């Protein structure tokens, strides 16, 4: 592989990102960005006339390649005829070689003709934009359309060289003829486009020139974006791979690139943020969160069957990430929503014994009596099962009701007794004593309870 190809290869970028090779990632990005910048600078010096000339040059390349194909096909035909007459195997082999040459030249002609058509479409669009009435285009568009049809014919989807030598020679002749038609059509359209460009007034030409430059820059930006976000067969981009492996420096470099798609999901529906959170990579998660608003995360949650960033962070006890998420009003507004598995962030934090995370969630409005969809368990039930007296005390202090039963009819006290958690049992008995005379789910601060009762907890 040539050195220039290395810098144009997205596979290399993904590999460097996955390995945490920050210096190489930075070099690759710089080389690629410089390549597009230089191309843009060259475009600034160009014009619609220069672009039309480029179409003529490219069409001539198609004609030249078609001539090579014709020559090779004719030679193959002559050699094949001689082989049929005298059975000389050497002539048969030479005929096959010429067939290959003809095929390759015909393909090259077809590609050149197709490229010429692409350039011509840019020219006609520029002239059309500058001259709204298309006064000067005449039948240029029709000729470009014909050239496009011929170019498609010269690039067949099924071009496998199957069959005996006689069939191959016939195919080679047909391909050469088709390539010649494509080249001639492209040249005819290109010359007609140049006539149109030459005929437009200077003022109109300036507008067309600007359109050419603007479109070229858009193309360069688009190509750079494709390079950055090119996925592997599993849909994983360079950013995803770096986030998944916890390479903070690489994640930072990529996020600073204009055009990076920080929320692009792989084939399993996982985003770079989800990969970082799932692998407990705090710093990459923080960087990604800074580029991902709550509204975007809400959309991701719906696209990913309910996956929730805050549930993921709460489950892993990532307090710093939870704090970052809670800065966004969109996240706070959905703090009680259940994830794809039917669990709330508070339940997951409590189940994992993450008291500080649970406290932070409650401070931001998480409902302590929210029940999950897997057994109807509350955060208090989870903490009681684990025997976490500190967390049980925190939840009871925020009026988590010890009387709420699971779908199996068990209470947090039953879970604590079953686990032999004496301190938790004593805490729950004290809370049950205080709750006497009140309706289940309505003890503690009446004002707070009233507000909570109005809240509707939605499953994804």
Protein backbone atom coordinates (compact mmCIF):
# COMPACT_ATOMS: atom_id res chain seq x y z
CA UNK A 1 0.00 0.00 0.00
CA UNK A 2 1.36 3.41 -0.98
CA UNK A 3 1.97 5.92 1.82
CA UNK A 4 -0.75 8.24 0.55
CA UNK A 5 -3.24 5.36 0.61
CA UNK A 6 -2.56 4.89 4.33
CA UNK A 7 -3.82 8.37 5.13
CA UNK A 8 -6.92 7.84 2.97
CA UNK A 9 -7.79 4.47 4.52
CA UNK A 10 -10.50 4.61 7.20
CA UNK A 11 -9.49 1.09 8.29
CA UNK A 12 -6.18 2.48 9.52
CA UNK A 13 -7.97 5.24 11.42
CA UNK A 14 -10.26 2.71 13.13
CA UNK A 15 -7.35 0.45 14.00
CA UNK A 16 -5.35 3.31 15.51
CA UNK A 17 -8.40 4.48 17.47
CA UNK A 18 -9.14 1.00 18.80
CA UNK A 19 -5.53 0.63 19.93
CA UNK A 20 -5.43 4.04 21.61
CA UNK A 21 -2.65 5.24 19.29
CA UNK A 22 -3.48 8.93 19.79
CA UNK A 23 -0.42 10.27 17.96
CA UNK A 24 -1.25 8.32 14.81
CA UNK A 25 -4.93 9.26 14.99
CA UNK A 26 -3.92 12.92 15.21
CA UNK A 27 -1.57 12.54 12.23
CA UNK A 28 -4.19 10.75 10.14
CA UNK A 29 -6.78 13.44 10.83
CA UNK A 30 -4.31 16.22 10.05
CA UNK A 31 -3.21 14.65 6.76
CA UNK A 32 -6.76 14.03 5.67
CA UNK A 33 -7.92 17.52 6.65
CA UNK A 34 -4.96 19.07 4.84
CA UNK A 35 -5.77 17.02 1.75
CA UNK A 36 -9.29 18.43 1.62
CA UNK A 37 -8.11 21.93 2.46
CA UNK A 38 -5.61 21.87 -0.40
CA UNK A 39 -8.28 20.57 -2.76
CA UNK A 40 -10.59 23.37 -1.63
CA UNK A 41 -7.88 25.93 -2.29
CA UNK A 42 -7.43 24.56 -5.79
CA UNK A 43 -11.16 24.77 -6.31
CA UNK A 44 -11.11 28.46 -5.38
CA UNK A 45 -8.83 28.98 -8.36
CA UNK A 46 -11.16 27.11 -10.68
CA UNK A 47 -14.26 28.04 -12.61
CA UNK A 48 -17.20 26.50 -14.40
CA UNK A 49 -15.17 26.70 -17.61
CA UNK A 50 -12.31 24.77 -16.02
CA UNK A 51 -14.78 22.18 -14.77
CA UNK A 52 -16.25 21.78 -18.25
CA UNK A 53 -12.74 21.35 -19.61
CA UNK A 54 -12.17 18.67 -16.99
CA UNK A 55 -15.23 16.86 -18.33
CA UNK A 56 -13.77 17.02 -21.86
CA UNK A 57 -10.43 15.68 -20.64
CA UNK A 58 -12.13 12.84 -18.77
CA UNK A 59 -14.31 11.99 -21.76
CA UNK A 60 -11.15 11.83 -23.89
CA UNK A 61 -9.71 9.34 -21.40
CA UNK A 62 -12.81 7.21 -21.88
CA UNK A 63 -12.36 7.38 -25.67
CA UNK A 64 -8.67 6.45 -25.39
CA UNK A 65 -9.42 3.47 -23.15
CA UNK A 66 -12.21 2.37 -25.49
CA UNK A 67 -9.72 2.41 -28.38
CA UNK A 68 -7.39 0.17 -26.35
CA UNK A 69 -10.30 -2.16 -25.69
CA UNK A 70 -11.20 -2.26 -29.38
CA UNK A 71 -7.62 -2.98 -30.41
CA UNK A 72 -7.28 -5.76 -27.84
CA UNK A 73 -10.65 -7.26 -28.80
CA UNK A 74 -9.74 -7.23 -32.50
CA UNK A 75 -6.39 -8.86 -31.73
CA UNK A 76 -8.11 -11.51 -29.64
CA UNK A 77 -10.51 -12.22 -32.48
CA UNK A 78 -7.65 -12.60 -34.99
CA UNK A 79 -5.71 -14.93 -32.67
CA UNK A 80 -8.81 -16.98 -31.95
CA UNK A 81 -9.46 -17.42 -35.68
CA UNK A 82 -5.85 -18.54 -36.18
CA UNK A 83 -6.17 -20.98 -33.27
CA UNK A 84 -9.29 -22.50 -34.81
CA UNK A 85 -7.40 -23.04 -38.06
CA UNK A 86 -4.15 -24.51 -36.75
CA UNK A 87 -4.83 -25.44 -33.11
CA UNK A 88 -1.76 -23.53 -31.88
CA UNK A 89 -2.11 -23.40 -28.09
CA UNK A 90 0.21 -20.40 -27.91
CA UNK A 91 -2.21 -18.39 -30.02
CA UNK A 92 -5.08 -19.50 -27.79
CA UNK A 93 -3.24 -18.27 -24.68
CA UNK A 94 -2.37 -14.98 -26.35
CA UNK A 95 -6.02 -14.57 -27.33
CA UNK A 96 -7.07 -15.02 -23.72
CA UNK A 97 -4.52 -12.42 -22.63
CA UNK A 98 -5.92 -9.97 -25.18
CA UNK A 99 -9.45 -10.65 -23.92
CA UNK A 100 -8.32 -9.68 -20.41
CA UNK A 101 -6.72 -6.49 -21.76
CA UNK A 102 -9.88 -5.62 -23.65
CA UNK A 103 -12.00 -6.23 -20.57
CA UNK A 104 -9.80 -4.06 -18.36
CA UNK A 105 -9.65 -1.23 -20.90
CA UNK A 106 -13.42 -1.35 -21.41
CA UNK A 107 -13.97 -1.10 -17.66
CA UNK A 108 -11.56 1.83 -17.44
CA UNK A 109 -13.43 3.55 -20.27
CA UNK A 110 -16.75 2.99 -18.55
CA UNK A 111 -15.45 4.48 -15.28
CA UNK A 112 -13.99 7.48 -17.08
CA UNK A 113 -17.27 8.05 -18.94
CA UNK A 114 -19.17 7.82 -15.66
CA UNK A 115 -16.84 10.33 -14.03
CA UNK A 116 -17.25 12.68 -16.99
CA UNK A 117 -21.02 12.51 -16.54
CA UNK A 118 -20.69 13.33 -12.83
CA UNK A 119 -18.60 16.39 -13.70
CA UNK A 120 -21.08 17.40 -16.39
CA UNK A 121 -23.94 17.23 -13.91
CA UNK A 122 -22.05 19.73 -11.77
CA UNK A 123 -21.52 22.01 -14.77
CA UNK A 124 -25.15 21.94 -15.88
CA UNK A 125 -26.33 22.55 -12.32
CA UNK A 126 -24.02 25.56 -12.03
CA UNK A 127 -25.10 27.04 -15.36
CA UNK A 128 -28.73 26.32 -14.56
CA UNK A 129 -28.46 28.05 -11.19
CA UNK A 130 -26.84 31.10 -12.75
CA UNK A 131 -29.21 31.18 -15.72
CA UNK A 132 -32.66 30.38 -14.36
CA UNK A 133 -34.22 30.19 -17.82
CA UNK A 134 -31.61 27.70 -19.06
CA UNK A 135 -31.24 29.89 -22.14
CA UNK A 136 -27.71 28.75 -22.85
CA UNK A 137 -27.98 25.09 -21.91
CA UNK A 138 -30.09 24.12 -24.91
CA UNK A 139 -30.06 20.35 -25.30
CA UNK A 140 -27.00 19.92 -23.05
CA UNK A 141 -29.00 18.17 -20.33
CA UNK A 142 -30.47 15.73 -22.83
CA UNK A 143 -26.99 14.87 -24.11
CA UNK A 144 -25.72 14.42 -20.55
CA UNK A 145 -28.64 12.08 -19.88
CA UNK A 146 -27.76 10.04 -22.96
CA UNK A 147 -24.11 9.94 -21.83
CA UNK A 148 -25.22 8.74 -18.42
CA UNK A 149 -27.27 5.92 -19.92
CA UNK A 150 -24.35 4.86 -22.10
CA UNK A 151 -21.93 5.06 -19.16
CA UNK A 152 -24.17 2.78 -17.09
CA UNK A 153 -24.23 0.30 -19.97
CA UNK A 154 -20.43 0.38 -20.06
CA UNK A 155 -20.34 -0.55 -16.33
CA UNK A 156 -22.41 -3.76 -16.22
CA UNK A 157 -23.26 -5.26 -12.85
CA UNK A 158 -22.44 -8.76 -14.10
CA UNK A 159 -19.23 -8.68 -16.08
CA UNK A 160 -17.72 -12.03 -15.13
CA UNK A 161 -15.65 -13.47 -18.04
CA UNK A 162 -17.37 -16.85 -18.13
CA UNK A 163 -17.63 -19.17 -21.13
CA UNK A 164 -15.33 -20.67 -23.73
CA UNK A 165 -12.81 -18.63 -25.71
CA UNK A 166 -15.24 -17.90 -28.53
CA UNK A 167 -17.76 -16.48 -26.05
CA UNK A 168 -15.09 -14.45 -24.31
CA UNK A 169 -13.92 -12.92 -27.58
CA UNK A 170 -17.50 -11.98 -28.44
CA UNK A 171 -17.99 -10.42 -25.00
CA UNK A 172 -14.76 -8.47 -25.36
CA UNK A 173 -15.87 -7.06 -28.70
CA UNK A 174 -19.26 -6.10 -27.26
CA UNK A 175 -17.67 -4.47 -24.22
CA UNK A 176 -15.29 -2.48 -26.41
CA UNK A 177 -18.15 -1.31 -28.60
CA UNK A 178 -20.21 -0.29 -25.57
CA UNK A 179 -17.23 1.54 -24.09
CA UNK A 180 -16.69 3.42 -27.37
CA UNK A 181 -20.33 4.52 -27.37
CA UNK A 182 -20.01 5.71 -23.76
CA UNK A 183 -16.83 7.66 -24.51
CA UNK A 184 -18.29 9.28 -27.62
CA UNK A 185 -21.50 10.23 -25.81
CA UNK A 186 -19.54 11.72 -22.92
CA UNK A 187 -17.42 13.78 -25.32
CA UNK A 188 -20.48 14.95 -27.24
CA UNK A 189 -22.12 16.10 -24.00
CA UNK A 190 -18.92 17.68 -22.69
CA UNK A 191 -18.41 19.74 -25.86
CA UNK A 192 -22.02 20.85 -25.74
CA UNK A 193 -21.58 21.88 -22.10
CA UNK A 194 -18.48 23.88 -22.97
CA UNK A 195 -20.45 25.69 -25.68
CA UNK A 196 -23.07 26.61 -23.08
CA UNK A 197 -20.45 27.83 -20.64
CA UNK A 198 -18.71 29.89 -23.31
CA UNK A 199 -21.98 31.51 -24.33
CA UNK A 200 -23.08 32.76 -20.89
CA UNK A 201 -22.46 36.43 -19.99
CA UNK A 202 -19.63 37.31 -17.60
CA UNK A 203 -21.97 38.14 -14.71
CA UNK A 204 -23.78 34.82 -15.11
CA UNK A 205 -20.43 33.07 -15.28
CA UNK A 206 -19.40 34.51 -11.92
CA UNK A 207 -22.53 33.09 -10.30
CA UNK A 208 -21.84 29.73 -11.91
CA UNK A 209 -18.23 29.83 -10.74
CA UNK A 210 -19.34 30.47 -7.16
CA UNK A 211 -21.75 27.56 -7.35
CA UNK A 212 -18.92 25.31 -8.54
CA UNK A 213 -16.72 26.35 -5.60
CA UNK A 214 -19.52 25.98 -3.05
CA UNK A 215 -20.48 22.52 -4.29
CA UNK A 216 -16.86 21.39 -4.35
CA UNK A 217 -16.34 22.46 -0.74
CA UNK A 218 -19.51 20.64 0.29
CA UNK A 219 -18.16 17.54 -1.39
CA UNK A 220 -14.83 17.87 0.42
CA UNK A 221 -16.61 18.30 3.77
CA UNK A 222 -18.81 15.32 3.00
CA UNK A 223 -15.81 13.15 2.12
CA UNK A 224 -14.01 14.11 5.33
CA UNK A 225 -17.14 13.30 7.34
CA UNK A 226 -17.41 9.90 5.65
CA UNK A 227 -13.77 9.23 6.44
CA UNK A 228 -14.23 10.03 10.14
CA UNK A 229 -17.45 8.05 10.53
CA UNK A 230 -16.71 5.09 8.27
CA UNK A 231 -17.85 1.93 10.15
CA UNK A 232 -16.47 -1.59 10.10
CA UNK A 233 -18.63 -4.62 9.28
CA UNK A 234 -20.20 -4.45 12.75
CA UNK A 235 -21.07 -0.78 12.32
CA UNK A 236 -18.41 0.44 14.75
CA UNK A 237 -16.73 3.75 13.93
CA UNK A 238 -13.32 4.96 15.10
CA UNK A 239 -15.03 6.94 17.87
CA UNK A 240 -17.06 3.93 19.01
CA UNK A 241 -13.96 1.73 19.17
CA UNK A 242 -11.98 4.33 21.12
CA UNK A 243 -14.87 4.88 23.55
CA UNK A 244 -15.40 1.15 24.01
CA UNK A 245 -11.73 0.64 24.88
CA UNK A 246 -11.57 3.72 27.14
CA UNK A 247 -9.01 5.70 25.13
CA UNK A 248 -9.75 9.18 26.44
CA UNK A 249 -7.16 11.04 24.34
CA UNK A 250 -8.41 9.50 21.10
CA UNK A 251 -12.04 10.17 21.99
CA UNK A 252 -11.12 13.81 22.62
CA UNK A 253 -9.31 14.13 19.28
CA UNK A 254 -12.21 12.69 17.34
CA UNK A 255 -14.86 14.72 19.14
CA UNK A 256 -13.00 17.89 18.19
CA UNK A 257 -13.34 17.06 14.49
CA UNK A 258 -16.10 18.88 12.65
CA UNK A 259 -18.42 16.31 11.14
CA UNK A 260 -17.90 13.59 13.74
CA UNK A 261 -21.11 11.67 14.47
CA UNK A 262 -20.82 11.13 18.23
CA UNK A 263 -24.14 9.30 18.44
CA UNK A 264 -23.70 6.94 15.48
CA UNK A 265 -24.82 3.44 16.48
CA UNK A 266 -23.35 0.11 15.47
CA UNK A 267 -25.37 -2.78 14.05
CA UNK A 268 -26.54 -3.74 17.56
CA UNK A 269 -27.85 -0.24 18.21
CA UNK A 270 -25.07 0.76 20.61
CA UNK A 271 -23.70 4.32 20.55
CA UNK A 272 -20.17 5.33 21.61
CA UNK A 273 -21.64 6.69 24.87
CA UNK A 274 -23.33 3.42 25.64
CA UNK A 275 -20.12 1.51 24.92
CA UNK A 276 -18.12 3.78 27.23
CA UNK A 277 -20.66 3.59 30.05
CA UNK A 278 -21.10 -0.18 29.72
CA UNK A 279 -17.35 -0.69 30.07
CA UNK A 280 -17.15 1.76 33.00
CA UNK A 281 -14.91 4.23 31.19
CA UNK A 282 -15.61 7.42 33.11
CA UNK A 283 -13.49 10.01 31.30
CA UNK A 284 -14.54 9.04 27.76
CA UNK A 285 -18.15 9.03 29.00
CA UNK A 286 -17.75 12.57 30.31
CA UNK A 287 -16.32 13.77 27.00
CA UNK A 288 -19.15 12.17 25.06
CA UNK A 289 -21.77 13.56 27.41
CA UNK A 290 -20.45 17.05 26.80
CA UNK A 291 -21.35 16.57 23.12
CA UNK A 292 -24.69 14.82 23.69
CA UNK A 293 -27.72 16.71 24.96
CA UNK A 294 -30.60 15.19 26.89
CA UNK A 295 -32.94 15.48 23.93
CA UNK A 296 -30.53 13.41 21.80
CA UNK A 297 -30.23 10.82 24.56
CA UNK A 298 -34.01 10.61 24.73
CA UNK A 299 -34.13 9.89 21.01
CA UNK A 300 -31.37 7.28 21.39
CA UNK A 301 -33.34 5.64 24.20
CA UNK A 302 -36.37 5.20 21.98
CA UNK A 303 -34.26 3.90 19.08
CA UNK A 304 -32.50 1.43 21.37
CA UNK A 305 -35.59 -0.18 22.88
CA UNK A 306 -35.40 1.87 26.06
CA UNK A 307 -31.67 1.90 26.82
CA UNK A 308 -31.00 4.78 29.21
CA UNK A 309 -27.68 6.52 29.82
CA UNK A 310 -28.60 7.49 33.37
CA UNK A 311 -29.74 3.94 34.19
CA UNK A 312 -26.46 2.63 32.84
CA UNK A 313 -24.43 5.11 34.90
CA UNK A 314 -26.52 4.48 38.03
CA UNK A 315 -26.09 0.73 37.68
CA UNK A 316 -22.32 1.13 37.56
CA UNK A 317 -22.19 3.63 40.44
CA UNK A 318 -20.67 6.30 38.19
CA UNK A 319 -21.51 9.32 40.33
CA UNK A 320 -19.53 11.79 38.23
CA UNK A 321 -21.40 10.69 35.10
CA UNK A 322 -24.76 10.82 36.87
CA UNK A 323 -23.96 14.37 37.99
CA UNK A 324 -23.18 15.37 34.41
CA UNK A 325 -26.39 13.83 33.14
CA UNK A 326 -28.49 15.55 35.78
CA UNK A 327 -27.32 18.94 34.56
CA UNK A 328 -29.62 18.46 31.59
CA UNK A 329 -33.27 19.27 32.23
CA UNK A 330 -34.34 16.68 29.67
CA UNK A 331 -32.65 13.95 31.71
CA UNK A 332 -34.08 15.18 35.02
CA UNK A 333 -37.55 15.21 33.49
CA UNK A 334 -37.28 11.49 32.74
CA UNK A 335 -35.46 10.41 35.87
CA UNK A 336 -38.14 7.84 36.78
CA UNK A 337 -38.53 6.26 33.37
CA UNK A 338 -37.69 2.58 33.20
CA UNK A 339 -34.97 1.17 30.97
CA UNK A 340 -35.26 -1.67 28.48
CA UNK A 341 -35.16 -4.23 31.30
CA UNK A 342 -37.88 -2.47 33.29
CA UNK A 343 -35.64 -0.89 35.94
CA UNK A 344 -35.40 2.72 37.10
CA UNK A 345 -32.10 4.48 37.74
CA UNK A 346 -32.81 4.60 41.49
CA UNK A 347 -33.57 0.89 41.64
CA UNK A 348 -30.35 0.05 39.77
CA UNK A 349 -28.27 2.29 42.05
CA UNK A 350 -29.85 0.73 45.14
CA UNK A 351 -29.47 -2.79 43.82
CA UNK A 352 -25.76 -2.13 43.26
CA UNK A 353 -25.27 -0.59 46.68
CA UNK A 354 -24.40 2.83 45.30
CA UNK A 355 -25.71 5.01 48.12
CA UNK A 356 -24.19 8.29 46.89
CA UNK A 357 -25.72 7.83 43.45
CA UNK A 358 -29.09 6.95 44.97
CA UNK A 359 -28.95 10.06 47.16
CA UNK A 360 -28.15 12.25 44.15
CA UNK A 361 -31.04 10.78 42.18
CA UNK A 362 -33.49 11.32 45.04
CA UNK A 363 -32.30 14.91 45.42
CA UNK A 364 -33.21 15.43 41.77
CA UNK A 365 -36.71 14.06 42.15
CA UNK A 366 -36.41 10.29 41.76
CA UNK A 367 -39.49 8.65 43.26
CA UNK A 368 -38.45 6.31 46.08
CA UNK A 369 -41.54 4.11 45.77
CA UNK A 370 -41.22 3.46 42.05
CA UNK A 371 -41.68 -0.25 41.25
CA UNK A 372 -39.82 -1.98 38.47
CA UNK A 373 -41.34 -4.23 35.84
CA UNK A 374 -39.44 -7.31 36.97
CA UNK A 375 -41.20 -8.51 40.10
CA UNK A 376 -42.61 -5.17 41.18
CA UNK A 377 -39.60 -4.42 43.36
CA UNK A 378 -38.76 -1.02 44.84
CA UNK A 379 -35.36 0.49 45.57
CA UNK A 380 -35.97 -0.21 49.28
CA UNK A 381 -36.62 -3.87 48.53
CA UNK A 382 -33.33 -4.10 46.60
CA UNK A 383 -31.33 -2.42 49.40
CA UNK A 384 -33.01 -4.60 52.06
CA UNK A 385 -32.23 -7.76 50.09
CA UNK A 386 -28.57 -6.72 49.92
CA UNK A 387 -28.50 -5.87 53.64
CA UNK A 388 -27.21 -2.36 52.99
CA UNK A 389 -28.23 -0.60 56.22
CA UNK A 390 -26.82 2.78 55.14
CA UNK A 391 -28.79 2.78 51.91
CA UNK A 392 -31.93 1.48 53.65
CA UNK A 393 -31.63 4.34 56.15
CA UNK A 394 -31.22 6.85 53.30
CA UNK A 395 -34.30 5.56 51.48
CA UNK A 396 -36.44 5.45 54.64
CA UNK A 397 -35.34 8.97 55.42
CA UNK A 398 -36.81 9.98 52.07
CA UNK A 399 -40.09 8.21 52.92
CA UNK A 400 -39.59 4.97 51.02
CA UNK A 401 -42.58 2.93 52.19
CA UNK A 402 -41.61 -0.38 53.85
CA UNK A 403 -45.13 -1.76 53.37
CA UNK A 404 -45.06 -1.93 49.57
CA UNK A 405 -45.06 -5.56 48.48
CA UNK A 406 -43.51 -7.20 45.45
CA UNK A 407 -45.57 -9.06 42.88
CA UNK A 408 -44.95 -12.16 44.98
CA UNK A 409 -46.43 -10.48 48.05
CA UNK A 410 -43.13 -10.00 49.88
CA UNK A 411 -42.09 -6.84 51.75
CA UNK A 412 -38.61 -5.39 52.26
CA UNK A 413 -38.77 -6.77 55.82
CA UNK A 414 -39.34 -10.29 54.49
CA UNK A 415 -36.25 -9.90 52.29
CA UNK A 416 -34.12 -8.60 55.18
CA UNK A 417 -35.23 -11.38 57.53
CA UNK A 418 -34.58 -14.00 54.85
CA UNK A 419 -31.06 -12.66 54.40
CA UNK A 420 -30.37 -12.40 58.11
CA UNK A 421 -29.65 -8.67 57.94
CA UNK A 422 -30.30 -7.70 61.56
CA UNK A 423 -29.53 -3.98 61.29
CA UNK A 424 -31.80 -3.62 58.29
CA UNK A 425 -34.57 -5.54 60.05
CA UNK A 426 -34.40 -3.11 62.97
CA UNK A 427 -34.54 -0.11 60.65
CA UNK A 428 -37.56 -1.48 58.81
CA UNK A 429 -39.40 -2.35 62.04
CA UNK A 430 -38.89 1.22 63.25
CA UNK A 431 -40.20 2.60 59.98
CA UNK A 432 -43.23 0.30 60.09
CA UNK A 433 -44.02 1.60 63.55
CA UNK A 434 -43.89 5.19 62.29
CA UNK A 435 -46.05 4.34 59.29
CA UNK A 436 -48.91 2.95 61.34
CA UNK A 437 -52.18 4.72 60.74
CA UNK A 438 -51.23 5.99 57.28
CA UNK A 439 -52.24 4.70 53.89
CA UNK A 440 -49.64 2.63 52.09
CA UNK A 441 -47.41 4.89 50.01
CA UNK A 442 -48.54 8.04 51.86
CA UNK A 443 -46.43 8.58 54.93
CA UNK A 444 -43.91 11.29 55.77
CA UNK A 445 -44.18 14.79 54.33
CA UNK A 446 -47.74 15.19 53.06
CA UNK A 447 -46.88 18.01 50.66
CA UNK A 448 -44.08 16.01 49.07
CA UNK A 449 -46.27 12.94 48.80
CA UNK A 450 -49.06 14.87 47.16
CA UNK A 451 -46.69 16.15 44.53
CA UNK A 452 -45.31 12.68 43.90
CA UNK A 453 -48.73 11.12 43.56
CA UNK A 454 -49.40 13.37 40.58
CA UNK A 455 -46.36 12.07 38.75
CA UNK A 456 -46.85 9.44 36.10
CA UNK A 457 -44.08 6.92 35.66
CA UNK A 458 -43.95 5.70 32.06
CA UNK A 459 -42.36 2.52 30.84
CA UNK A 460 -40.35 2.82 27.60
